Amino acid sequence: MAAKTANVLARVEPEIKEKAEAIMAKLGIPASVVINMLYKQIVMTRSIPFPLSLPAAPMTWDEMDVDTFNTIMQNGLDEAKADHSRPASEVLTDLRRGL
């Protein structure tokens, strides 16, 4: 007779685990159910059920040609002249949220 369950041992960053478990608690779904659902999706789709890709890295100055650099600088100058800007404190707050 086959076992009805098997154990999965995984190391997870403590902060991520805490945040994820708080969300699962609000949804009323135990972690074991979420893990089981993930495994079932992997089996059904024969793949990881979400996209895995590297984010596009911004181009560095060394990788740009002169025309690309000048275009970026001109776009920034045009936006500044058209007053398409935001206070630095607002931008920093958004950056902190994204990190």
PDB file of N, CA and C in Angstrom:
ATOM      1  N   MET A   1       0.838  -1.180   0.000  1.00  0.00           N
ATOM      2  CA  MET A   1       0.000   0.000   0.000  1.00  0.00           C
ATOM      3  C   MET A   1       0.884   1.245   0.000  1.00  0.00           C
ATOM      4  N   ALA A   2       0.652   2.184  -0.921  1.00  0.00           N
ATOM      5  CA  ALA A   2       1.453   3.396  -1.042  1.00  0.00           C
ATOM      6  C   ALA A   2       1.082   4.388   0.060  1.00  0.00           C
ATOM      7  N   ALA A   3       2.049   5.202   0.455  1.00  0.00           N
ATOM      8  CA  ALA A   3       1.800   6.236   1.462  1.00  0.00           C
ATOM      9  C   ALA A   3       0.840   7.279   0.896  1.00  0.00           C
ATOM     10  N   LYS A   4      -0.011   7.814   1.763  1.00  0.00           N
ATOM     11  CA  LYS A   4      -0.968   8.826   1.314  1.00  0.00           C
ATOM     12  C   LYS A   4      -0.332  10.206   1.209  1.00  0.00           C
ATOM     13  N   THR A   5       0.773  10.419   1.914  1.00  0.00           N
ATOM     14  CA  THR A   5       1.476  11.696   1.842  1.00  0.00           C
ATOM     15  C   THR A   5       2.972  11.452   1.897  1.00  0.00           C
ATOM     16  N   ALA A   6       3.720  12.452   1.474  1.00  0.00           N
ATOM     17  CA  ALA A   6       5.176  12.437   1.572  1.00  0.00           C
ATOM     18  C   ALA A   6       5.612  13.812   2.058  1.00  0.00           C
ATOM     19  N   ASN A   7       6.731  13.869   2.708  1.00  0.00           N
ATOM     20  CA  ASN A   7       7.235  15.137   3.228  1.00  0.00           C
ATOM     21  C   ASN A   7       8.115  15.832   2.212  1.00  0.00           C
ATOM     22  N   VAL A   8       8.078  17.167   2.241  1.00  0.00           N
ATOM     23  CA  VAL A   8       8.949  18.004   1.419  1.00  0.00           C
ATOM     24  C   VAL A   8       9.675  18.925   2.386  1.00  0.00           C
ATOM     25  N   LEU A   9      10.987  18.954   2.290  1.00  0.00           N
ATOM     26  CA  LEU A   9      11.787  19.825   3.143  1.00  0.00           C
ATOM     27  C   LEU A   9      12.423  20.875   2.257  1.00  0.00           C
ATOM     28  N   ALA A  10      12.178  22.139   2.566  1.00  0.00           N
ATOM     29  CA  ALA A  10      12.729  23.223   1.756  1.00  0.00           C
ATOM     30  C   ALA A  10      13.186  24.351   2.666  1.00  0.00           C
ATOM     31  N   ARG A  11      14.278  24.969   2.313  1.00  0.00           N
ATOM     32  CA  ARG A  11      14.763  26.137   3.044  1.00  0.00           C
ATOM     33  C   ARG A  11      14.191  27.378   2.378  1.00  0.00           C
ATOM     34  N   VAL A  12      13.637  28.261   3.208  1.00  0.00           N
ATOM     35  CA  VAL A  12      13.003  29.476   2.708  1.00  0.00           C
ATOM     36  C   VAL A  12      13.494  30.643   3.556  1.00  0.00           C
ATOM     37  N   GLU A  13      13.678  31.788   2.926  1.00  0.00           N
ATOM     38  CA  GLU A  13      14.077  32.978   3.671  1.00  0.00           C
ATOM     39  C   GLU A  13      12.995  33.277   4.711  1.00  0.00           C
ATOM     40  N   PRO A  14      13.386  33.517   5.970  1.00  0.00           N
ATOM     41  CA  PRO A  14      12.405  33.718   7.037  1.00  0.00           C
ATOM     42  C   PRO A  14      11.386  34.819   6.754  1.00  0.00           C
ATOM     43  N   GLU A  15      11.838  35.947   6.217  1.00  0.00           N
ATOM     44  CA  GLU A  15      10.915  37.059   5.948  1.00  0.00           C
ATOM     45  C   GLU A  15       9.904  36.687   4.862  1.00  0.00           C
ATOM     46  N   ILE A  16      10.355  35.995   3.829  1.00  0.00           N
ATOM     47  CA  ILE A  16       9.468  35.563   2.744  1.00  0.00           C
ATOM     48  C   ILE A  16       8.454  34.559   3.282  1.00  0.00           C
ATOM     49  N   LYS A  17       8.933  33.621   4.090  1.00  0.00           N
ATOM     50  CA  LYS A  17       8.051  32.609   4.680  1.00  0.00           C
ATOM     51  C   LYS A  17       6.958  33.275   5.514  1.00  0.00           C
ATOM     52  N   GLU A  18       7.354  34.240   6.331  1.00  0.00           N
ATOM     53  CA  GLU A  18       6.401  34.939   7.196  1.00  0.00           C
ATOM     54  C   GLU A  18       5.345  35.681   6.376  1.00  0.00           C
ATOM     55  N   LYS A  19       5.793  36.395   5.359  1.00  0.00           N
ATOM     56  CA  LYS A  19       4.860  37.153   4.516  1.00  0.00           C
ATOM     57  C   LYS A  19       3.906  36.223   3.763  1.00  0.00           C
ATOM     58  N   ALA A  20       4.460  35.149   3.198  1.00  0.00           N
ATOM     59  CA  ALA A  20       3.627  34.210   2.442  1.00  0.00           C
ATOM     60  C   ALA A  20       2.616  33.527   3.355  1.00  0.00           C
ATOM     61  N   GLU A  21       3.066  33.116   4.536  1.00  0.00           N
ATOM     62  CA  GLU A  21       2.149  32.440   5.458  1.00  0.00           C
ATOM     63  C   GLU A  21       1.063  33.377   5.958  1.00  0.00           C
ATOM     64  N   ALA A  22       1.362  34.663   6.098  1.00  0.00           N
ATOM     65  CA  ALA A  22       0.331  35.635   6.497  1.00  0.00           C
ATOM     66  C   ALA A  22      -0.751  35.726   5.423  1.00  0.00           C
ATOM     67  N   ILE A  23      -0.337  35.725   4.164  1.00  0.00           N
ATOM     68  CA  ILE A  23      -1.309  35.776   3.060  1.00  0.00           C
ATOM     69  C   ILE A  23      -2.124  34.491   3.017  1.00  0.00           C
ATOM     70  N   MET A  24      -1.444  33.345   3.149  1.00  0.00           N
ATOM     71  CA  MET A  24      -2.166  32.065   3.138  1.00  0.00           C
ATOM     72  C   MET A  24      -3.155  31.992   4.297  1.00  0.00           C
ATOM     73  N   ALA A  25      -2.782  32.520   5.456  1.00  0.00           N
ATOM     74  CA  ALA A  25      -3.682  32.514   6.614  1.00  0.00           C
ATOM     75  C   ALA A  25      -4.933  33.335   6.320  1.00  0.00           C
ATOM     76  N   LYS A  26      -4.752  34.495   5.681  1.00  0.00           N
ATOM     77  CA  LYS A  26      -5.915  35.326   5.323  1.00  0.00           C
ATOM     78  C   LYS A  26      -6.824  34.597   4.340  1.00  0.00           C
ATOM     79  N   LEU A  27      -6.216  33.793   3.466  1.00  0.00           N
ATOM     80  CA  LEU A  27      -6.997  33.026   2.487  1.00  0.00           C
ATOM     81  C   LEU A  27      -7.558  31.743   3.086  1.00  0.00           C
ATOM     82  N   GLY A  28      -7.050  31.367   4.264  1.00  0.00           N
ATOM     83  CA  GLY A  28      -7.513  30.139   4.911  1.00  0.00           C
ATOM     84  C   GLY A  28      -6.973  28.883   4.258  1.00  0.00           C
ATOM     85  N   ILE A  29      -5.781  28.995   3.659  1.00  0.00           N
ATOM     86  CA  ILE A  29      -5.184  27.854   2.959  1.00  0.00           C
ATOM     87  C   ILE A  29      -3.852  27.517   3.624  1.00  0.00           C
ATOM     88  N   PRO A  30      -3.702  26.311   4.141  1.00  0.00           N
ATOM     89  CA  PRO A  30      -2.418  25.932   4.749  1.00  0.00           C
ATOM     90  C   PRO A  30      -1.309  25.793   3.707  1.00  0.00           C
ATOM     91  N   ALA A  31      -0.077  25.981   4.147  1.00  0.00           N
ATOM     92  CA  ALA A  31       1.073  25.882   3.249  1.00  0.00           C
ATOM     93  C   ALA A  31       1.122  24.528   2.555  1.00  0.00           C
ATOM     94  N   SER A  32       0.754  23.470   3.265  1.00  0.00           N
ATOM     95  CA  SER A  32       0.807  22.137   2.653  1.00  0.00           C
ATOM     96  C   SER A  32      -0.130  22.034   1.450  1.00  0.00           C
ATOM     97  N   VAL A  33      -1.268  22.707   1.511  1.00  0.00           N
ATOM     98  CA  VAL A  33      -2.212  22.687   0.380  1.00  0.00           C
ATOM     99  C   VAL A  33      -1.628  23.465  -0.792  1.00  0.00           C
ATOM    100  N   VAL A  34      -1.005  24.607  -0.503  1.00  0.00           N
ATOM    101  CA  VAL A  34      -0.400  25.420  -1.561  1.00  0.00           C
ATOM    102  C   VAL A  34       0.729  24.643  -2.241  1.00  0.00           C
ATOM    103  N   ILE A  35       1.562  23.987  -1.443  1.00  0.00           N
ATOM    104  CA  ILE A  35       2.662  23.198  -2.008  1.00  0.00           C
ATOM    105  C   ILE A  35       2.108  22.053  -2.850  1.00  0.00           C
ATOM    106  N   ASN A  36       1.070  21.395  -2.364  1.00  0.00           N
ATOM    107  CA  ASN A  36       0.453  20.302  -3.116  1.00  0.00           C
ATOM    108  C   ASN A  36      -0.123  20.825  -4.448  1.00  0.00           C
ATOM    109  N   MET A  37      -0.764  21.992  -4.409  1.00  0.00           N
ATOM    110  CA  MET A  37      -1.312  22.587  -5.634  1.00  0.00           C
ATOM    111  C   MET A  37      -0.185  22.894  -6.623  1.00  0.00           C
ATOM    112  N   LEU A  38       0.933  23.432  -6.123  1.00  0.00           N
ATOM    113  CA  LEU A  38       2.071  23.727  -6.992  1.00  0.00           C
ATOM    114  C   LEU A  38       2.579  22.452  -7.655  1.00  0.00           C
ATOM    115  N   TYR A  39       2.777  21.415  -6.869  1.00  0.00           N
ATOM    116  CA  TYR A  39       3.257  20.153  -7.422  1.00  0.00           C
ATOM    117  C   TYR A  39       2.292  19.594  -8.464  1.00  0.00           C
ATOM    118  N   LYS A  40       0.987  19.687  -8.204  1.00  0.00           N
ATOM    119  CA  LYS A  40      -0.001  19.192  -9.169  1.00  0.00           C
ATOM    120  C   LYS A  40       0.069  19.975 -10.473  1.00  0.00           C
ATOM    121  N   GLN A  41       0.250  21.290 -10.377  1.00  0.00           N
ATOM    122  CA  GLN A  41       0.361  22.110 -11.587  1.00  0.00           C
ATOM    123  C   GLN A  41       1.620  21.750 -12.372  1.00  0.00           C
ATOM    124  N   ILE A  42       2.716  21.484 -11.661  1.00  0.00           N
ATOM    125  CA  ILE A  42       3.947  21.076 -12.332  1.00  0.00           C
ATOM    126  C   ILE A  42       3.724  19.781 -13.096  1.00  0.00           C
ATOM    127  N   VAL A  43       3.038  18.851 -12.481  1.00  0.00           N
ATOM    128  CA  VAL A  43       2.764  17.565 -13.129  1.00  0.00           C
ATOM    129  C   VAL A  43       1.831  17.765 -14.323  1.00  0.00           C
ATOM    130  N   MET A  44       0.742  18.527 -14.125  1.00  0.00           N
ATOM    131  CA  MET A  44      -0.238  18.729 -15.198  1.00  0.00           C
ATOM    132  C   MET A  44       0.355  19.455 -16.401  1.00  0.00           C
ATOM    133  N   THR A  45       1.154  20.493 -16.144  1.00  0.00           N
ATOM    134  CA  THR A  45       1.674  21.306 -17.245  1.00  0.00           C
ATOM    135  C   THR A  45       3.052  20.856 -17.714  1.00  0.00           C
ATOM    136  N   ARG A  46       3.644  19.956 -16.952  1.00  0.00           N
ATOM    137  CA  ARG A  46       4.997  19.481 -17.234  1.00  0.00           C
ATOM    138  C   ARG A  46       5.969  20.646 -17.329  1.00  0.00           C
ATOM    139  N   SER A  47       5.726  21.654 -16.470  1.00  0.00           N
ATOM    140  CA  SER A  47       6.570  22.847 -16.443  1.00  0.00           C
ATOM    141  C   SER A  47       6.347  23.569 -15.114  1.00  0.00           C
ATOM    142  N   ILE A  48       7.126  24.576 -14.878  1.00  0.00           N
ATOM    143  CA  ILE A  48       6.887  25.445 -13.730  1.00  0.00           C
ATOM    144  C   ILE A  48       5.724  26.351 -14.130  1.00  0.00           C
ATOM    145  N   PRO A  49       4.676  26.451 -13.308  1.00  0.00           N
ATOM    146  CA  PRO A  49       3.454  27.147 -13.736  1.00  0.00           C
ATOM    147  C   PRO A  49       3.494  28.676 -13.648  1.00  0.00           C
ATOM    148  N   PHE A  50       4.646  29.246 -13.781  1.00  0.00           N
ATOM    149  CA  PHE A  50       4.780  30.694 -13.869  1.00  0.00           C
ATOM    150  C   PHE A  50       6.059  30.976 -14.638  1.00  0.00           C
ATOM    151  N   PRO A  51       6.132  32.154 -15.268  1.00  0.00           N
ATOM    152  CA  PRO A  51       7.307  32.428 -16.093  1.00  0.00           C
ATOM    153  C   PRO A  51       8.576  32.575 -15.250  1.00  0.00           C
ATOM    154  N   LEU A  52       9.648  32.025 -15.738  1.00  0.00           N
ATOM    155  CA  LEU A  52      10.958  32.180 -15.118  1.00  0.00           C
ATOM    156  C   LEU A  52      11.857  32.878 -16.129  1.00  0.00           C
ATOM    157  N   SER A  53      12.239  34.088 -15.815  1.00  0.00           N
ATOM    158  CA  SER A  53      13.113  34.819 -16.720  1.00  0.00           C
ATOM    159  C   SER A  53      13.924  35.827 -15.920  1.00  0.00           C
ATOM    160  N   LEU A  54      15.012  36.217 -16.501  1.00  0.00           N
ATOM    161  CA  LEU A  54      15.836  37.249 -15.889  1.00  0.00           C
ATOM    162  C   LEU A  54      15.314  38.609 -16.311  1.00  0.00           C
ATOM    163  N   PRO A  55      15.218  39.540 -15.374  1.00  0.00           N
ATOM    164  CA  PRO A  55      14.775  40.878 -15.773  1.00  0.00           C
ATOM    165  C   PRO A  55      15.829  41.523 -16.662  1.00  0.00           C
ATOM    166  N   ALA A  56      15.366  42.358 -17.560  1.00  0.00           N
ATOM    167  CA  ALA A  56      16.295  43.049 -18.447  1.00  0.00           C
ATOM    168  C   ALA A  56      17.140  44.014 -17.620  1.00  0.00           C
ATOM    169  N   ALA A  57      18.425  43.879 -17.731  1.00  0.00           N
ATOM    170  CA  ALA A  57      19.328  44.769 -17.005  1.00  0.00           C
ATOM    171  C   ALA A  57      19.443  46.077 -17.767  1.00  0.00           C
ATOM    172  N   PRO A  58      19.450  47.184 -17.060  1.00  0.00           N
ATOM    173  CA  PRO A  58      19.626  48.456 -17.768  1.00  0.00           C
ATOM    174  C   PRO A  58      20.998  48.499 -18.441  1.00  0.00           C
ATOM    175  N   MET A  59      21.043  49.159 -19.556  1.00  0.00           N
ATOM    176  CA  MET A  59      22.292  49.266 -20.301  1.00  0.00           C
ATOM    177  C   MET A  59      23.230  50.209 -19.545  1.00  0.00           C
ATOM    178  N   THR A  60      24.482  49.835 -19.435  1.00  0.00           N
ATOM    179  CA  THR A  60      25.454  50.702 -18.776  1.00  0.00           C
ATOM    180  C   THR A  60      26.036  51.682 -19.786  1.00  0.00           C
ATOM    181  N   TRP A  61      26.641  52.743 -19.278  1.00  0.00           N
ATOM    182  CA  TRP A  61      27.227  53.761 -20.139  1.00  0.00           C
ATOM    183  C   TRP A  61      28.261  53.150 -21.069  1.00  0.00           C
ATOM    184  N   ASP A  62      29.044  52.191 -20.554  1.00  0.00           N
ATOM    185  CA  ASP A  62      30.088  51.554 -21.366  1.00  0.00           C
ATOM    186  C   ASP A  62      29.516  50.751 -22.530  1.00  0.00           C
ATOM    187  N   GLU A  63      28.262  50.316 -22.417  1.00  0.00           N
ATOM    188  CA  GLU A  63      27.644  49.497 -23.466  1.00  0.00           C
ATOM    189  C   GLU A  63      26.947  50.335 -24.539  1.00  0.00           C
ATOM    190  N   MET A  64      26.815  51.646 -24.308  1.00  0.00           N
ATOM    191  CA  MET A  64      26.085  52.519 -25.237  1.00  0.00           C
ATOM    192  C   MET A  64      27.007  53.138 -26.271  1.00  0.00           C
ATOM    193  N   ASP A  65      26.421  53.375 -27.430  1.00  0.00           N
ATOM    194  CA  ASP A  65      27.158  54.201 -28.388  1.00  0.00           C
ATOM    195  C   ASP A  65      26.785  55.655 -28.115  1.00  0.00           C
ATOM    196  N   VAL A  66      27.475  56.571 -28.737  1.00  0.00           N
ATOM    197  CA  VAL A  66      27.271  58.009 -28.490  1.00  0.00           C
ATOM    198  C   VAL A  66      25.841  58.421 -28.818  1.00  0.00           C
ATOM    199  N   ASP A  67      25.273  57.915 -29.908  1.00  0.00           N
ATOM    200  CA  ASP A  67      23.914  58.299 -30.301  1.00  0.00           C
ATOM    201  C   ASP A  67      22.880  57.857 -29.261  1.00  0.00           C
ATOM    202  N   THR A  68      23.024  56.644 -28.738  1.00  0.00           N
ATOM    203  CA  THR A  68      22.092  56.148 -27.724  1.00  0.00           C
ATOM    204  C   THR A  68      22.170  57.008 -26.468  1.00  0.00           C
ATOM    205  N   PHE A  69      23.391  57.300 -26.036  1.00  0.00           N
ATOM    206  CA  PHE A  69      23.582  58.137 -24.848  1.00  0.00           C
ATOM    207  C   PHE A  69      22.960  59.514 -25.059  1.00  0.00           C
ATOM    208  N   ASN A  70      23.236  60.127 -26.201  1.00  0.00           N
ATOM    209  CA  ASN A  70      22.705  61.466 -26.483  1.00  0.00           C
ATOM    210  C   ASN A  70      21.179  61.456 -26.531  1.00  0.00           C
ATOM    211  N   THR A  71      20.590  60.400 -27.080  1.00  0.00           N
ATOM    212  CA  THR A  71      19.129  60.293 -27.133  1.00  0.00           C
ATOM    213  C   THR A  71      18.540  60.214 -25.729  1.00  0.00           C
ATOM    214  N   ILE A  72      19.143  59.407 -24.866  1.00  0.00           N
ATOM    215  CA  ILE A  72      18.660  59.290 -23.482  1.00  0.00           C
ATOM    216  C   ILE A  72      18.765  60.638 -22.772  1.00  0.00           C
ATOM    217  N   MET A  73      19.887  61.313 -22.943  1.00  0.00           N
ATOM    218  CA  MET A  73      20.081  62.618 -22.301  1.00  0.00           C
ATOM    219  C   MET A  73      19.083  63.644 -22.845  1.00  0.00           C
ATOM    220  N   GLN A  74      18.851  63.634 -24.147  1.00  0.00           N
ATOM    221  CA  GLN A  74      17.911  64.585 -24.743  1.00  0.00           C
ATOM    222  C   GLN A  74      16.491  64.327 -24.238  1.00  0.00           C
ATOM    223  N   ASN A  75      16.106  63.042 -24.136  1.00  0.00           N
ATOM    224  CA  ASN A  75      14.772  62.722 -23.609  1.00  0.00           C
ATOM    225  C   ASN A  75      14.616  63.237 -22.193  1.00  0.00           C
ATOM    226  N   GLY A  76      15.640  63.062 -21.379  1.00  0.00           N
ATOM    227  CA  GLY A  76      15.585  63.559 -19.998  1.00  0.00           C
ATOM    228  C   GLY A  76      15.481  65.072 -19.954  1.00  0.00           C
ATOM    229  N   LEU A  77      16.256  65.760 -20.791  1.00  0.00           N
ATOM    230  CA  LEU A  77      16.204  67.220 -20.842  1.00  0.00           C
ATOM    231  C   LEU A  77      14.827  67.692 -21.310  1.00  0.00           C
ATOM    232  N   ASP A  78      14.270  67.045 -22.335  1.00  0.00           N
ATOM    233  CA  ASP A  78      12.942  67.409 -22.841  1.00  0.00           C
ATOM    234  C   ASP A  78      11.883  67.239 -21.760  1.00  0.00           C
ATOM    235  N   GLU A  79      11.959  66.147 -21.005  1.00  0.00           N
ATOM    236  CA  GLU A  79      10.992  65.921 -19.925  1.00  0.00           C
ATOM    237  C   GLU A  79      11.136  66.978 -18.844  1.00  0.00           C
ATOM    238  N   ALA A  80      12.349  67.344 -18.508  1.00  0.00           N
ATOM    239  CA  ALA A  80      12.571  68.376 -17.489  1.00  0.00           C
ATOM    240  C   ALA A  80      12.026  69.719 -17.957  1.00  0.00           C
ATOM    241  N   LYS A  81      12.279  70.077 -19.210  1.00  0.00           N
ATOM    242  CA  LYS A  81      11.785  71.348 -19.746  1.00  0.00           C
ATOM    243  C   LYS A  81      10.263  71.378 -19.797  1.00  0.00           C
ATOM    244  N   ALA A  82       9.636  70.221 -20.018  1.00  0.00           N
ATOM    245  CA  ALA A  82       8.168  70.142 -20.079  1.00  0.00           C
ATOM    246  C   ALA A  82       7.572  69.975 -18.691  1.00  0.00           C
ATOM    247  N   ASP A  83       8.409  70.037 -17.668  1.00  0.00           N
ATOM    248  CA  ASP A  83       7.999  69.899 -16.264  1.00  0.00           C
ATOM    249  C   ASP A  83       7.334  68.551 -15.991  1.00  0.00           C
ATOM    250  N   HIS A  84       7.817  67.507 -16.645  1.00  0.00           N
ATOM    251  CA  HIS A  84       7.353  66.144 -16.389  1.00  0.00           C
ATOM    252  C   HIS A  84       8.263  65.526 -15.329  1.00  0.00           C
ATOM    253  N   SER A  85       8.145  66.047 -14.131  1.00  0.00           N
ATOM    254  CA  SER A  85       9.010  65.572 -13.057  1.00  0.00           C
ATOM    255  C   SER A  85       8.192  65.344 -11.796  1.00  0.00           C
ATOM    256  N   ARG A  86       8.823  64.709 -10.818  1.00  0.00           N
ATOM    257  CA  ARG A  86       8.188  64.463  -9.526  1.00  0.00           C
ATOM    258  C   ARG A  86       9.188  64.823  -8.442  1.00  0.00           C
ATOM    259  N   PRO A  87       8.694  65.141  -7.263  1.00  0.00           N
ATOM    260  CA  PRO A  87       9.615  65.448  -6.171  1.00  0.00           C
ATOM    261  C   PRO A  87      10.507  64.243  -5.850  1.00  0.00           C
ATOM    262  N   ALA A  88      11.754  64.509  -5.511  1.00  0.00           N
ATOM    263  CA  ALA A  88      12.704  63.441  -5.209  1.00  0.00           C
ATOM    264  C   ALA A  88      12.197  62.552  -4.074  1.00  0.00           C
ATOM    265  N   SER A  89      11.550  63.126  -3.074  1.00  0.00           N
ATOM    266  CA  SER A  89      11.060  62.325  -1.939  1.00  0.00           C
ATOM    267  C   SER A  89      10.031  61.296  -2.403  1.00  0.00           C
ATOM    268  N   GLU A  90       9.200  61.664  -3.369  1.00  0.00           N
ATOM    269  CA  GLU A  90       8.200  60.746  -3.914  1.00  0.00           C
ATOM    270  C   GLU A  90       8.869  59.610  -4.690  1.00  0.00           C
ATOM    271  N   VAL A  91       9.869  59.948  -5.475  1.00  0.00           N
ATOM    272  CA  VAL A  91      10.598  58.940  -6.248  1.00  0.00           C
ATOM    273  C   VAL A  91      11.306  57.974  -5.302  1.00  0.00           C
ATOM    274  N   LEU A  92      11.959  58.502  -4.266  1.00  0.00           N
ATOM    275  CA  LEU A  92      12.652  57.650  -3.296  1.00  0.00           C
ATOM    276  C   LEU A  92      11.681  56.732  -2.567  1.00  0.00           C
ATOM    277  N   THR A  93      10.495  57.229  -2.233  1.00  0.00           N
ATOM    278  CA  THR A  93       9.483  56.387  -1.585  1.00  0.00           C
ATOM    279  C   THR A  93       9.084  55.236  -2.501  1.00  0.00           C
ATOM    280  N   ASP A  94       8.867  55.528  -3.780  1.00  0.00           N
ATOM    281  CA  ASP A  94       8.519  54.472  -4.745  1.00  0.00           C
ATOM    282  C   ASP A  94       9.651  53.463  -4.891  1.00  0.00           C
ATOM    283  N   LEU A  95      10.880  53.946  -4.912  1.00  0.00           N
ATOM    284  CA  LEU A  95      12.024  53.034  -5.017  1.00  0.00           C
ATOM    285  C   LEU A  95      12.107  52.125  -3.795  1.00  0.00           C
ATOM    286  N   ARG A  96      11.892  52.689  -2.611  1.00  0.00           N
ATOM    287  CA  ARG A  96      11.932  51.864  -1.392  1.00  0.00           C
ATOM    288  C   ARG A  96      10.848  50.803  -1.408  1.00  0.00           C
ATOM    289  N   ARG A  97       9.668  51.149  -1.904  1.00  0.00           N
ATOM    290  CA  ARG A  97       8.577  50.166  -1.991  1.00  0.00           C
ATOM    291  C   ARG A  97       8.942  49.027  -2.935  1.00  0.00           C
ATOM    292  N   GLY A  98       9.637  49.359  -4.017  1.00  0.00           N
ATOM    293  CA  GLY A  98      10.025  48.359  -4.999  1.00  0.00           C
ATOM    294  C   GLY A  98      11.143  47.454  -4.520  1.00  0.00           C
ATOM    295  N   LEU A  99      11.902  47.896  -3.560  1.00  0.00           N
ATOM    296  CA  LEU A  99      13.018  47.098  -3.052  1.00  0.00           C
ATOM    297  C   LEU A  99      12.507  46.244  -1.979  1.00  0.00           C
TER     298      LEU A  99
END
